Amino acid sequence: MNRTEDGAGDAGATRAGRTSMRLGALRSHNSALVLDLLRTAGPEGISRLELAERTGLTPQAVSKITARLREDGLAAEAGHRASTGGKPRTVLRLVPEAGHALGVHLDRDELTAVLCDLTGAVVARRSAPLDLGAGAETVVERAVREVGELVAGGGRAGVVLGAGVALPGPLDHRSGVLHRVTGFPEWNGFPLRDVLARRLSLPVVVDKDTNAAALGLAVGGGAGSGTSFAYLHFGAGLGGGLVIDGTVHRGTRTGAGEFGHQVVQLDGPPCGCGNRGCVEALCLAAVARGDVAEAARVLGTAAGNLVALLDVDLVLLGGRTVAVAPETYVRGVAAVLAERARRAGSDAVPVRVASGAGQGVAEGAAQLLLAPLFGRAEG
């Protein structure tokens, strides 16, 4: 176990005393517009007049919203700016430390938890070994303990808005209920969101790890100017997150992005999902025998199928396995995409390693709470 913040405590540190901020009020459309402009303005701040001009709201509406944000401690004066006439304009800024969100990544063999301020910056982190197959109650108990320790260690955290929890799918994002998680059928039907919300006394959002990471990249600018991209996460397993026109695409049944379980070899090795020849099974087998180049080639083949189907702008790679040999994976995937593009007479879709690829899932999980507050990519 390791952590960057010292301290001890339990889940009681996340109780109602830290959750007085009204999420419903913060999630109003106009408040989100103003909050996002305050966030992007940074420490230098922005005036009420500029807020009105950029949002299209009336000055009276902006004054009312900013007064409420200041009352809640979310905004503060950042000084004054000269105007073309009359008295100098008061400049406002976001107060990052006024609220925090928890991000929890329950990987197959590791738990990572982060505490992020309103800008998404990590102020505290913990990680610990985890056996996702140890049973729901055991995993929940471990998660509650680690979150309690994290919040206790980040004593300056102030209001905790809630917790975003990311883990392998499939699952129902809307209800927070897990389905038959590949390799861990005992989780089928477990209401993870409601159980954790009750144990932590916090709002909880549950999503697939790949969706959380993709959301973090979309909100944090990790995809550059691309508004439609695929994030392929290769860690203990293989999955994908899709962002289409700037929004995480989950599908009607919130099951989109099961990238690792597309069959590319009909008579291939069995996979934990019950099929044979899945991309995940083939890639993991190649890694196990030390053939990283073959794993990259198979990953590229599957990525090529995805690009042909969705015509995305960019393919981003991440996860612990990719982090071991990032250049090999980028080169292998890019080579397959380039060859397909050459045959089709089109430009190849760029491939690169996602920023923060080794740790981005937990941060993305925190964005499940933060992004909607700023009216950003759907969280």
Protein backbone atom coordinates (compact mmCIF):
# COMPACT_ATOMS: atom_id res chain seq x y z
CA MET A 1 0.00 0.00 0.00
CA ASN A 2 1.19 3.52 -0.67
CA ARG A 3 -0.20 6.99 -0.33
CA THR A 4 0.92 10.55 -0.83
CA GLU A 5 -1.03 11.97 2.11
CA ASP A 6 -0.56 10.86 5.69
CA GLY A 7 -3.48 10.37 8.02
CA ALA A 8 -5.84 7.81 9.41
CA GLY A 9 -9.56 7.55 9.75
CA ASP A 10 -12.58 5.71 8.45
CA ALA A 11 -15.52 6.25 6.16
CA GLY A 12 -17.01 8.55 8.78
CA ALA A 13 -14.72 11.25 7.41
CA THR A 14 -16.96 11.38 4.34
CA ARG A 15 -20.21 11.79 6.24
CA ALA A 16 -22.89 14.39 5.75
CA GLY A 17 -20.88 17.21 7.30
CA ARG A 18 -18.77 17.28 4.17
CA THR A 19 -21.63 17.07 1.70
CA SER A 20 -23.65 20.21 2.38
CA MET A 21 -23.16 21.48 -1.17
CA ARG A 22 -26.32 20.98 -3.19
CA LEU A 23 -25.46 19.02 -6.30
CA GLY A 24 -28.84 19.71 -7.86
CA ALA A 25 -28.36 23.46 -7.65
CA LEU A 26 -24.83 23.27 -8.99
CA ARG A 27 -25.93 21.19 -11.95
CA SER A 28 -28.29 23.84 -13.31
CA HIS A 29 -27.40 24.76 -16.88
CA ASN A 30 -26.65 28.43 -16.27
CA SER A 31 -24.57 27.76 -13.17
CA ALA A 32 -22.60 25.18 -15.14
CA LEU A 33 -21.85 27.72 -17.88
CA VAL A 34 -20.55 30.24 -15.35
CA LEU A 35 -18.59 27.67 -13.37
CA ASP A 36 -16.89 26.36 -16.49
CA LEU A 37 -15.77 29.84 -17.53
CA LEU A 38 -14.46 30.49 -14.03
CA ARG A 39 -12.57 27.20 -14.20
CA THR A 40 -11.02 27.85 -17.61
CA ALA A 41 -10.10 31.44 -16.67
CA GLY A 42 -7.72 30.10 -14.02
CA PRO A 43 -6.28 32.16 -11.16
CA GLU A 44 -6.42 35.37 -13.22
CA GLY A 45 -10.18 35.23 -13.14
CA ILE A 46 -12.91 36.74 -15.29
CA SER A 47 -15.28 39.70 -14.84
CA ARG A 48 -19.07 39.51 -14.59
CA LEU A 49 -19.37 41.46 -17.82
CA GLU A 50 -17.21 38.92 -19.64
CA LEU A 51 -19.26 36.11 -18.12
CA ALA A 52 -22.44 37.70 -19.46
CA GLU A 53 -20.94 38.21 -22.91
CA ARG A 54 -19.65 34.64 -23.20
CA THR A 55 -22.71 32.88 -21.78
CA GLY A 56 -25.37 35.03 -23.37
CA LEU A 57 -26.96 35.55 -19.94
CA THR A 58 -28.12 38.92 -18.73
CA PRO A 59 -25.83 40.80 -16.34
CA GLN A 60 -28.54 40.46 -13.70
CA ALA A 61 -28.61 36.68 -14.09
CA VAL A 62 -24.81 36.48 -13.91
CA SER A 63 -24.77 38.62 -10.77
CA LYS A 64 -27.35 36.35 -9.13
CA ILE A 65 -25.43 33.19 -10.05
CA THR A 66 -22.03 34.52 -8.99
CA ALA A 67 -23.48 35.79 -5.72
CA ARG A 68 -24.73 32.29 -4.95
CA LEU A 69 -21.39 30.77 -5.96
CA ARG A 70 -19.55 33.20 -3.69
CA GLU A 71 -21.95 32.44 -0.86
CA ASP A 72 -21.21 28.73 -1.30
CA GLY A 73 -17.47 29.45 -1.33
CA LEU A 74 -17.04 28.30 -4.92
CA ALA A 75 -16.03 31.70 -6.29
CA ALA A 76 -13.97 34.54 -4.88
CA GLU A 77 -12.60 37.90 -5.96
CA ALA A 78 -9.33 37.74 -7.88
CA GLY A 79 -8.70 41.48 -7.98
CA HIS A 80 -9.80 44.25 -10.31
CA ARG A 81 -9.35 44.95 -14.00
CA ALA A 82 -9.30 48.34 -15.67
CA SER A 83 -12.39 49.18 -17.72
CA THR A 84 -12.96 51.57 -20.60
CA GLY A 85 -14.94 53.82 -18.34
CA GLY A 86 -16.15 54.05 -14.80
CA LYS A 87 -14.78 52.08 -11.89
CA PRO A 88 -12.54 49.01 -12.39
CA ARG A 89 -14.30 45.71 -12.91
CA THR A 90 -14.18 43.11 -10.16
CA VAL A 91 -12.65 39.88 -11.39
CA LEU A 92 -13.85 36.53 -10.04
CA ARG A 93 -12.09 33.17 -9.94
CA LEU A 94 -13.01 29.60 -9.08
CA VAL A 95 -11.95 28.36 -5.64
CA PRO A 96 -10.58 24.89 -6.50
CA GLU A 97 -10.38 23.72 -2.90
CA ALA A 98 -14.03 24.56 -2.20
CA GLY A 99 -15.15 21.13 -3.32
CA HIS A 100 -13.62 17.76 -4.03
CA ALA A 101 -14.58 14.52 -5.72
CA LEU A 102 -13.39 11.02 -5.02
CA GLY A 103 -12.31 8.77 -7.86
CA VAL A 104 -11.99 5.03 -7.20
CA HIS A 105 -10.63 2.47 -9.66
CA LEU A 106 -11.40 -1.12 -8.75
CA ASP A 107 -9.12 -3.03 -11.09
CA ARG A 108 -8.90 -6.80 -11.12
CA ASP A 109 -5.84 -6.80 -8.89
CA GLU A 110 -5.44 -3.25 -7.59
CA LEU A 111 -7.45 -0.46 -5.98
CA THR A 112 -6.55 3.16 -6.69
CA ALA A 113 -8.34 6.07 -5.03
CA VAL A 114 -7.78 9.77 -5.62
CA LEU A 115 -9.16 12.97 -4.14
CA CYS A 116 -9.47 15.72 -6.76
CA ASP A 117 -10.27 19.40 -6.37
CA LEU A 118 -12.74 21.23 -8.61
CA THR A 119 -10.18 21.60 -11.40
CA GLY A 120 -9.58 17.85 -11.43
CA ALA A 121 -6.13 18.18 -9.87
CA VAL A 122 -5.22 15.29 -7.57
CA VAL A 123 -4.58 16.40 -3.99
CA ALA A 124 -4.27 12.93 -2.44
CA ARG A 125 -3.86 9.37 -3.69
CA ARG A 126 -3.86 5.85 -2.27
CA SER A 127 -3.34 2.48 -3.87
CA ALA A 128 -3.52 -1.05 -2.53
CA PRO A 129 -3.60 -4.64 -3.81
CA LEU A 130 -7.11 -5.93 -4.53
CA ASP A 131 -8.66 -9.23 -5.49
CA LEU A 132 -11.83 -8.38 -7.41
CA GLY A 133 -12.82 -12.03 -7.14
CA ALA A 134 -12.76 -12.03 -3.33
CA GLY A 135 -16.48 -11.28 -3.24
CA ALA A 136 -18.56 -8.13 -3.32
CA GLU A 137 -18.73 -7.56 0.42
CA THR A 138 -14.97 -7.98 0.84
CA VAL A 139 -14.22 -5.57 -2.01
CA VAL A 140 -16.75 -3.01 -0.75
CA GLU A 141 -15.26 -3.17 2.73
CA ARG A 142 -11.79 -2.56 1.33
CA ALA A 143 -12.99 0.33 -0.82
CA VAL A 144 -14.79 2.00 2.10
CA ARG A 145 -11.69 1.68 4.28
CA GLU A 146 -9.36 3.11 1.62
CA VAL A 147 -11.69 6.00 0.86
CA GLY A 148 -12.02 6.80 4.55
CA GLU A 149 -8.24 6.83 4.95
CA LEU A 150 -7.84 9.00 1.87
CA VAL A 151 -10.33 11.63 2.99
CA ALA A 152 -8.97 11.62 6.54
CA GLY A 153 -5.47 12.18 5.16
CA GLY A 154 -6.66 15.05 2.97
CA GLY A 155 -8.01 16.97 5.97
CA ARG A 156 -8.15 20.23 4.05
CA ALA A 157 -10.55 18.70 1.54
CA GLY A 158 -13.63 20.64 2.63
CA VAL A 159 -16.81 19.54 0.86
CA VAL A 160 -16.73 16.12 -0.79
CA LEU A 161 -19.26 16.10 -3.61
CA GLY A 162 -19.37 12.36 -4.04
CA ALA A 163 -17.48 9.38 -5.40
CA GLY A 164 -17.05 8.11 -8.92
CA VAL A 165 -16.26 4.38 -9.04
CA ALA A 166 -14.83 2.69 -12.13
CA LEU A 167 -14.31 -1.04 -12.66
CA PRO A 168 -14.42 -3.64 -15.44
CA GLY A 169 -17.79 -4.19 -17.09
CA PRO A 170 -20.29 -4.99 -18.25
CA LEU A 171 -22.52 -2.98 -15.95
CA ASP A 172 -25.53 -0.68 -15.98
CA HIS A 173 -24.25 2.87 -15.60
CA ARG A 174 -27.70 4.32 -14.91
CA SER A 175 -28.62 1.98 -12.07
CA GLY A 176 -25.11 1.25 -10.83
CA VAL A 177 -25.77 -2.48 -10.98
CA LEU A 178 -23.07 -4.85 -12.21
CA HIS A 179 -23.68 -7.59 -14.74
CA ARG A 180 -21.50 -10.63 -15.36
CA VAL A 181 -18.12 -8.94 -15.03
CA THR A 182 -15.79 -10.92 -17.27
CA GLY A 183 -13.99 -13.49 -15.14
CA PHE A 184 -15.99 -12.55 -12.01
CA PRO A 185 -19.55 -13.85 -12.45
CA GLU A 186 -20.21 -13.57 -8.71
CA TRP A 187 -20.71 -9.81 -9.17
CA ASN A 188 -23.74 -10.34 -11.42
CA GLY A 189 -26.67 -8.24 -10.19
CA PHE A 190 -24.76 -6.56 -7.34
CA PRO A 191 -26.08 -2.99 -6.71
CA LEU A 192 -22.65 -1.44 -6.19
CA ARG A 193 -23.77 2.18 -6.44
CA ASP A 194 -26.47 1.94 -3.79
CA VAL A 195 -24.34 -0.14 -1.42
CA LEU A 196 -21.40 2.27 -1.59
CA ALA A 197 -23.65 5.34 -1.34
CA ARG A 198 -25.12 3.93 1.84
CA ARG A 199 -21.74 3.00 3.32
CA LEU A 200 -20.08 6.30 2.43
CA SER A 201 -23.09 8.59 2.94
CA LEU A 202 -22.17 10.21 -0.37
CA PRO A 203 -23.62 10.36 -3.88
CA VAL A 204 -21.96 7.62 -5.96
CA VAL A 205 -21.69 7.17 -9.72
CA VAL A 206 -20.53 3.82 -11.15
CA ASP A 207 -19.16 3.32 -14.64
CA LYS A 208 -16.82 1.08 -16.61
CA ASP A 209 -13.15 1.84 -16.16
CA THR A 210 -12.69 2.57 -19.86
CA ASN A 211 -15.60 5.03 -19.94
CA ALA A 212 -14.19 6.86 -16.92
CA ALA A 213 -10.76 7.13 -18.51
CA ALA A 214 -12.28 8.34 -21.80
CA LEU A 215 -14.30 10.97 -19.93
CA GLY A 216 -11.17 12.19 -18.17
CA LEU A 217 -9.37 12.53 -21.50
CA ALA A 218 -12.31 14.36 -23.10
CA VAL A 219 -12.67 16.83 -20.25
CA GLY A 220 -8.96 17.29 -19.59
CA GLY A 221 -7.96 17.87 -23.21
CA GLY A 222 -5.97 14.64 -23.46
CA ALA A 223 -7.46 14.00 -26.90
CA GLY A 224 -6.27 17.35 -28.27
CA SER A 225 -8.66 18.81 -30.82
CA GLY A 226 -10.25 15.45 -31.57
CA THR A 227 -13.93 15.29 -30.60
CA SER A 228 -14.42 11.63 -31.55
CA PHE A 229 -11.85 9.13 -30.35
CA ALA A 230 -11.39 5.61 -29.02
CA TYR A 231 -9.49 4.98 -25.81
CA LEU A 232 -8.15 1.41 -25.61
CA HIS A 233 -7.17 0.35 -22.11
CA PHE A 234 -4.86 -2.66 -21.79
CA GLY A 235 -4.13 -3.55 -18.19
CA ALA A 236 -5.10 -6.77 -16.47
CA GLY A 237 -7.76 -6.97 -19.18
CA LEU A 238 -8.61 -5.12 -22.39
CA GLY A 239 -11.46 -2.68 -22.91
CA GLY A 240 -12.42 0.43 -24.80
CA GLY A 241 -14.04 3.78 -24.14
CA LEU A 242 -15.69 5.78 -26.92
CA VAL A 243 -16.14 9.52 -27.14
CA ILE A 244 -18.37 10.61 -30.04
CA ASP A 245 -18.78 14.34 -30.73
CA GLY A 246 -17.31 15.16 -27.33
CA THR A 247 -19.61 12.89 -25.33
CA VAL A 248 -18.94 9.47 -23.83
CA HIS A 249 -20.94 6.93 -25.83
CA ARG A 250 -22.39 4.22 -23.59
CA GLY A 251 -25.14 2.84 -25.81
CA THR A 252 -28.80 2.13 -25.13
CA ARG A 253 -28.01 -0.51 -22.52
CA THR A 254 -24.81 1.26 -21.40
CA GLY A 255 -22.87 -1.68 -22.86
CA ALA A 256 -20.85 0.08 -25.58
CA GLY A 257 -17.09 -0.27 -25.55
CA GLU A 258 -16.73 -4.00 -24.85
CA PHE A 259 -13.78 -3.78 -27.19
CA GLY A 260 -11.80 -6.70 -25.77
CA HIS A 261 -14.51 -9.23 -26.55
CA GLN A 262 -14.78 -8.85 -30.30
CA VAL A 263 -13.93 -12.19 -31.87
CA VAL A 264 -11.07 -12.04 -34.36
CA GLN A 265 -10.17 -15.76 -34.47
CA LEU A 266 -13.08 -18.17 -34.67
CA ASP A 267 -11.08 -21.17 -33.46
CA GLY A 268 -8.94 -19.18 -31.03
CA PRO A 269 -8.30 -19.76 -27.33
CA PRO A 270 -11.21 -19.59 -24.88
CA CYS A 271 -11.91 -16.25 -23.21
CA GLY A 272 -13.30 -15.57 -19.76
CA CYS A 273 -16.44 -14.14 -21.38
CA GLY A 274 -17.33 -17.59 -22.77
CA ASN A 275 -16.38 -16.95 -26.40
CA ARG A 276 -13.26 -18.07 -28.25
CA GLY A 277 -10.67 -15.98 -30.04
CA CYS A 278 -11.48 -12.67 -28.36
CA VAL A 279 -8.98 -9.84 -28.74
CA GLU A 280 -8.40 -9.81 -24.98
CA ALA A 281 -7.58 -13.52 -24.83
CA LEU A 282 -5.21 -13.30 -27.80
CA CYS A 283 -3.43 -10.19 -26.50
CA LEU A 284 -3.03 -11.57 -22.99
CA ALA A 285 -1.69 -14.86 -24.37
CA ALA A 286 0.88 -13.00 -26.49
CA VAL A 287 2.00 -10.92 -23.50
CA ALA A 288 2.26 -14.04 -21.33
CA ARG A 289 4.72 -15.63 -23.76
CA GLY A 290 6.70 -12.40 -24.06
CA ASP A 291 5.64 -11.53 -27.62
CA VAL A 292 4.70 -7.89 -27.16
CA ALA A 293 4.94 -7.18 -30.89
CA GLU A 294 2.29 -9.83 -31.57
CA ALA A 295 0.05 -8.38 -28.85
CA ALA A 296 0.40 -4.97 -30.52
CA ARG A 297 -0.43 -6.44 -33.93
CA VAL A 298 -3.58 -8.12 -32.63
CA LEU A 299 -4.56 -4.93 -30.83
CA GLY A 300 -4.03 -3.04 -34.09
CA THR A 301 -6.27 -5.48 -35.97
CA ALA A 302 -9.08 -4.92 -33.50
CA ALA A 303 -8.48 -1.16 -33.51
CA GLY A 304 -8.71 -1.23 -37.31
CA ASN A 305 -12.15 -2.83 -37.06
CA LEU A 306 -13.24 -0.10 -34.67
CA VAL A 307 -11.91 2.70 -36.88
CA ALA A 308 -13.63 1.24 -39.94
CA LEU A 309 -16.91 1.04 -38.05
CA LEU A 310 -16.94 4.43 -36.33
CA ASP A 311 -14.48 6.58 -38.35
CA VAL A 312 -13.03 8.18 -35.20
CA ASP A 313 -10.40 10.96 -35.33
CA LEU A 314 -7.89 9.37 -32.98
CA VAL A 315 -6.93 6.16 -31.18
CA LEU A 316 -5.46 6.54 -27.68
CA LEU A 317 -3.75 3.70 -25.83
CA GLY A 318 -3.41 3.34 -22.08
CA GLY A 319 -3.22 0.95 -19.17
CA ARG A 320 -0.46 -0.77 -17.21
CA THR A 321 0.38 -3.29 -19.92
CA VAL A 322 0.76 -0.59 -22.56
CA ALA A 323 2.90 1.45 -20.15
CA VAL A 324 5.49 -1.35 -20.05
CA ALA A 325 6.27 -0.95 -23.78
CA PRO A 326 4.39 2.10 -25.08
CA GLU A 327 6.44 2.62 -28.22
CA THR A 328 5.95 -1.00 -29.30
CA TYR A 329 2.19 -0.77 -28.90
CA VAL A 330 1.89 2.57 -30.68
CA ARG A 331 4.10 1.36 -33.51
CA GLY A 332 2.25 -1.95 -33.88
CA VAL A 333 -1.25 -0.47 -33.83
CA ALA A 334 -0.27 2.42 -36.10
CA ALA A 335 1.26 0.04 -38.64
CA VAL A 336 -1.98 -1.92 -39.00
CA LEU A 337 -4.06 1.25 -39.30
CA ALA A 338 -1.65 2.75 -41.83
CA GLU A 339 -1.78 -0.36 -44.03
CA ARG A 340 -5.58 -0.40 -43.98
CA ALA A 341 -5.67 3.32 -44.80
CA ARG A 342 -3.25 2.79 -47.69
CA ARG A 343 -5.46 0.11 -49.20
CA ALA A 344 -8.51 2.32 -48.79
CA GLY A 345 -6.75 5.36 -50.23
CA SER A 346 -7.38 7.45 -47.11
CA ASP A 347 -5.36 9.08 -44.34
CA ALA A 348 -4.36 6.91 -41.41
CA VAL A 349 -5.94 7.65 -38.06
CA PRO A 350 -3.23 8.80 -35.61
CA VAL A 351 -2.32 6.61 -32.65
CA ARG A 352 -0.66 7.74 -29.45
CA VAL A 353 -0.37 6.95 -25.76
CA ALA A 354 -2.96 8.73 -23.65
CA SER A 355 -1.63 11.24 -21.14
CA GLY A 356 -1.49 9.80 -17.63
CA ALA A 357 -2.20 6.39 -19.10
CA GLY A 358 -1.08 4.46 -16.03
CA GLN A 359 -3.28 6.34 -13.57
CA GLY A 360 -6.03 7.99 -15.63
CA VAL A 361 -8.93 5.72 -14.66
CA ALA A 362 -9.20 6.95 -11.06
CA GLU A 363 -8.95 10.58 -12.18
CA GLY A 364 -11.57 9.91 -14.83
CA ALA A 365 -13.80 8.35 -12.19
CA ALA A 366 -13.64 11.61 -10.22
CA GLN A 367 -14.76 13.41 -13.40
CA LEU A 368 -17.98 11.38 -13.31
CA LEU A 369 -18.90 13.79 -10.49
CA LEU A 370 -17.03 16.91 -11.62
CA ALA A 371 -17.70 17.09 -15.37
CA PRO A 372 -21.50 17.58 -15.10
CA LEU A 373 -20.97 20.49 -12.69
CA PHE A 374 -19.23 22.38 -15.48
CA GLY A 375 -21.58 21.28 -18.25
CA ARG A 376 -18.76 19.35 -19.87
CA ALA A 377 -18.73 15.86 -21.43
CA GLU A 378 -21.57 13.78 -20.05
CA GLY A 379 -20.67 12.26 -16.72
